[in-house]
């Protein structure tokens, strides 16, 4: 089974070895048929603190690392 991967932008890098990654999701409103954008936030484990705020990254689903961390940094796509 392939692990789930998500593209997102780093919203916060203030914690040690943890990053907050936001994924922008687009949906259509059921009645008005207008596009609605909202952000999902993921807590991501970054072992070497190599990413910074504003970077575009790819994250991968892993086992639970803490109460909120279920994702691991896979690669930095754009700095």
N, C-alpha and C. Protein backbone atom coordinates (compact mmCIF):
# COMPACT_ATOMS: atom_id res chain seq x y z
N UNK A 1 0.83 -1.19 0.00
CA UNK A 1 0.00 0.00 0.00
C UNK A 1 0.87 1.25 0.00
N UNK A 2 0.56 2.18 -0.89
CA UNK A 2 1.31 3.42 -0.96
C UNK A 2 0.87 4.36 0.15
N UNK A 3 1.83 5.09 0.71
CA UNK A 3 1.49 6.04 1.77
C UNK A 3 0.98 7.33 1.16
N UNK A 4 0.10 7.98 1.86
CA UNK A 4 -0.52 9.21 1.38
C UNK A 4 0.49 10.35 1.41
N UNK A 5 0.55 11.13 0.32
CA UNK A 5 1.43 12.29 0.23
C UNK A 5 0.60 13.53 -0.03
N UNK A 6 1.04 14.65 0.54
CA UNK A 6 0.33 15.92 0.40
C UNK A 6 1.33 17.02 0.13
N UNK A 7 0.97 17.94 -0.78
CA UNK A 7 1.75 19.15 -1.01
C UNK A 7 1.19 20.27 -0.17
N UNK A 8 2.07 21.07 0.43
CA UNK A 8 1.60 22.17 1.25
C UNK A 8 2.68 23.22 1.46
N UNK A 9 2.31 24.27 2.15
CA UNK A 9 3.22 25.38 2.44
C UNK A 9 3.41 25.45 3.94
N UNK A 10 4.64 25.68 4.38
CA UNK A 10 4.92 25.77 5.81
C UNK A 10 4.40 27.09 6.35
N UNK A 11 3.50 27.00 7.34
CA UNK A 11 2.89 28.17 7.94
C UNK A 11 3.65 28.63 9.18
N UNK A 12 4.28 27.68 9.90
CA UNK A 12 4.99 28.03 11.13
C UNK A 12 6.19 27.11 11.31
N UNK A 13 7.30 27.69 11.77
CA UNK A 13 8.50 26.90 12.07
C UNK A 13 9.06 27.24 13.45
N UNK A 14 8.20 27.63 14.37
CA UNK A 14 8.63 28.09 15.69
C UNK A 14 8.95 26.96 16.66
N UNK A 15 8.41 25.77 16.43
CA UNK A 15 8.66 24.65 17.33
C UNK A 15 9.90 23.88 16.89
N UNK A 16 10.56 23.24 17.83
CA UNK A 16 11.75 22.45 17.52
C UNK A 16 11.34 21.11 16.92
N UNK A 17 11.84 20.80 15.73
CA UNK A 17 11.59 19.55 15.00
C UNK A 17 10.13 19.37 14.59
N UNK A 18 9.35 20.42 14.63
CA UNK A 18 7.95 20.35 14.23
C UNK A 18 7.61 21.55 13.36
N UNK A 19 6.88 21.30 12.29
CA UNK A 19 6.43 22.36 11.40
C UNK A 19 4.92 22.25 11.25
N UNK A 20 4.28 23.38 10.99
CA UNK A 20 2.85 23.39 10.70
C UNK A 20 2.71 23.64 9.20
N UNK A 21 2.12 22.69 8.51
CA UNK A 21 1.97 22.76 7.06
C UNK A 21 0.50 22.96 6.73
N UNK A 22 0.22 23.90 5.81
CA UNK A 22 -1.14 24.16 5.39
C UNK A 22 -1.38 23.68 3.98
N UNK A 23 -2.52 23.02 3.78
CA UNK A 23 -2.93 22.55 2.46
C UNK A 23 -4.19 23.31 2.08
N UNK A 24 -4.18 23.95 0.92
CA UNK A 24 -5.35 24.70 0.47
C UNK A 24 -6.29 23.74 -0.25
N UNK A 25 -7.54 23.73 0.20
CA UNK A 25 -8.55 22.84 -0.36
C UNK A 25 -9.63 23.68 -1.02
N UNK A 26 -10.05 23.27 -2.21
CA UNK A 26 -11.09 23.99 -2.95
C UNK A 26 -12.32 23.08 -3.08
N UNK A 27 -13.48 23.62 -2.70
CA UNK A 27 -14.73 22.89 -2.85
C UNK A 27 -15.79 23.80 -3.42
N UNK A 28 -16.78 23.21 -4.06
CA UNK A 28 -17.91 23.97 -4.56
C UNK A 28 -19.02 23.97 -3.52
N UNK A 29 -19.66 25.12 -3.37
CA UNK A 29 -20.80 25.22 -2.47
C UNK A 29 -21.97 24.45 -3.09
N UNK A 30 -22.70 23.72 -2.27
CA UNK A 30 -23.76 22.85 -2.79
C UNK A 30 -24.91 23.63 -3.43
N UNK A 31 -25.26 24.75 -2.85
CA UNK A 31 -26.40 25.51 -3.36
C UNK A 31 -25.96 26.57 -4.37
N UNK A 32 -24.96 27.37 -3.99
CA UNK A 32 -24.58 28.52 -4.81
C UNK A 32 -23.56 28.21 -5.88
N UNK A 33 -22.97 27.02 -5.86
CA UNK A 33 -22.00 26.57 -6.87
C UNK A 33 -20.77 27.49 -6.96
N UNK A 34 -20.44 28.14 -5.86
CA UNK A 34 -19.28 29.02 -5.83
C UNK A 34 -18.12 28.27 -5.18
N UNK A 35 -16.89 28.52 -5.67
CA UNK A 35 -15.72 27.87 -5.11
C UNK A 35 -15.41 28.44 -3.73
N UNK A 36 -15.17 27.55 -2.78
CA UNK A 36 -14.82 27.94 -1.42
C UNK A 36 -13.43 27.37 -1.13
N UNK A 37 -12.51 28.22 -0.69
CA UNK A 37 -11.16 27.81 -0.35
C UNK A 37 -11.00 27.82 1.16
N UNK A 38 -10.41 26.76 1.70
CA UNK A 38 -10.07 26.75 3.11
C UNK A 38 -8.77 25.99 3.29
N UNK A 39 -8.14 26.14 4.47
CA UNK A 39 -6.83 25.57 4.73
C UNK A 39 -6.93 24.47 5.78
N UNK A 40 -6.33 23.34 5.48
CA UNK A 40 -6.17 22.27 6.46
C UNK A 40 -4.75 22.37 7.01
N UNK A 41 -4.62 22.22 8.32
CA UNK A 41 -3.31 22.31 8.96
C UNK A 41 -2.86 20.94 9.44
N UNK A 42 -1.58 20.65 9.21
CA UNK A 42 -0.97 19.39 9.63
C UNK A 42 0.29 19.69 10.42
N UNK A 43 0.49 18.95 11.52
CA UNK A 43 1.73 19.03 12.29
C UNK A 43 2.68 18.00 11.71
N UNK A 44 3.87 18.45 11.30
CA UNK A 44 4.81 17.62 10.55
C UNK A 44 6.12 17.52 11.31
N UNK A 45 6.69 16.31 11.35
CA UNK A 45 7.98 16.09 12.00
C UNK A 45 9.11 16.41 11.01
N UNK A 46 10.00 17.32 11.42
CA UNK A 46 11.18 17.70 10.62
C UNK A 46 12.40 17.48 11.49
N UNK A 47 13.04 16.33 11.34
CA UNK A 47 14.11 15.89 12.24
C UNK A 47 15.28 16.86 12.29
N UNK A 48 15.70 17.41 11.16
CA UNK A 48 16.90 18.24 11.10
C UNK A 48 16.61 19.74 11.07
N UNK A 49 15.37 20.14 11.25
CA UNK A 49 14.98 21.55 11.18
C UNK A 49 15.48 22.21 9.90
N UNK A 50 15.31 21.54 8.77
CA UNK A 50 15.87 22.01 7.50
C UNK A 50 14.91 22.89 6.70
N UNK A 51 13.65 22.94 7.07
CA UNK A 51 12.68 23.74 6.31
C UNK A 51 12.39 25.04 7.04
N UNK A 52 11.95 26.04 6.29
CA UNK A 52 11.65 27.36 6.84
C UNK A 52 10.24 27.77 6.45
N UNK A 53 9.77 28.82 7.08
CA UNK A 53 8.43 29.33 6.80
C UNK A 53 8.34 29.79 5.35
N UNK A 54 7.25 29.41 4.67
CA UNK A 54 7.03 29.79 3.28
C UNK A 54 7.49 28.76 2.27
N UNK A 55 8.22 27.73 2.69
CA UNK A 55 8.68 26.70 1.77
C UNK A 55 7.51 25.81 1.33
N UNK A 56 7.58 25.35 0.08
CA UNK A 56 6.63 24.37 -0.41
C UNK A 56 7.23 22.99 -0.18
N UNK A 57 6.49 22.13 0.52
CA UNK A 57 7.03 20.83 0.89
C UNK A 57 6.04 19.73 0.55
N UNK A 58 6.57 18.50 0.53
CA UNK A 58 5.74 17.32 0.37
C UNK A 58 5.85 16.52 1.67
N UNK A 59 4.70 16.14 2.23
CA UNK A 59 4.69 15.40 3.48
C UNK A 59 4.07 14.03 3.26
N UNK A 60 4.44 13.09 4.12
CA UNK A 60 4.00 11.71 3.97
C UNK A 60 3.43 11.22 5.30
N UNK A 61 2.39 10.42 5.24
CA UNK A 61 1.71 9.89 6.42
C UNK A 61 2.58 8.82 7.07
N UNK A 62 2.73 8.89 8.41
CA UNK A 62 3.50 7.89 9.16
C UNK A 62 2.72 7.46 10.39
N UNK A 63 3.35 6.69 11.23
CA UNK A 63 2.73 6.28 12.49
C UNK A 63 2.61 7.50 13.40
N UNK A 64 1.77 7.47 14.40
CA UNK A 64 1.66 8.61 15.32
C UNK A 64 2.96 8.85 16.08
N UNK A 65 3.47 10.08 16.01
CA UNK A 65 4.71 10.45 16.69
C UNK A 65 4.44 11.17 18.01
N UNK A 66 3.33 11.84 18.11
CA UNK A 66 2.91 12.51 19.33
C UNK A 66 1.40 12.67 19.27
N UNK A 67 0.86 13.53 20.12
CA UNK A 67 -0.60 13.69 20.16
C UNK A 67 -1.16 14.18 18.83
N UNK A 68 -0.47 15.13 18.19
CA UNK A 68 -0.98 15.72 16.94
C UNK A 68 -0.15 15.39 15.71
N UNK A 69 1.09 14.91 15.88
CA UNK A 69 1.96 14.66 14.73
C UNK A 69 1.73 13.28 14.14
N UNK A 70 1.26 13.25 12.89
CA UNK A 70 1.09 12.00 12.14
C UNK A 70 1.78 12.06 10.78
N UNK A 71 2.49 13.14 10.51
CA UNK A 71 3.09 13.37 9.20
C UNK A 71 4.59 13.57 9.34
N UNK A 72 5.32 13.20 8.29
CA UNK A 72 6.77 13.34 8.26
C UNK A 72 7.15 14.13 7.01
N UNK A 73 8.18 14.96 7.12
CA UNK A 73 8.64 15.74 5.97
C UNK A 73 9.30 14.81 4.97
N UNK A 74 8.80 14.78 3.75
CA UNK A 74 9.34 13.89 2.72
C UNK A 74 10.39 14.60 1.89
N UNK A 75 10.06 15.79 1.36
CA UNK A 75 11.04 16.57 0.60
C UNK A 75 10.62 18.02 0.53
N UNK A 76 11.65 18.89 0.37
CA UNK A 76 11.40 20.32 0.18
C UNK A 76 11.41 20.56 -1.33
N UNK A 77 10.30 21.08 -1.85
CA UNK A 77 10.19 21.28 -3.28
C UNK A 77 10.70 22.65 -3.70
N UNK A 78 10.32 23.68 -2.97
CA UNK A 78 10.70 25.04 -3.35
C UNK A 78 11.01 25.84 -2.07
N UNK A 79 12.17 26.46 -2.04
CA UNK A 79 12.55 27.28 -0.88
C UNK A 79 12.07 28.70 -1.02
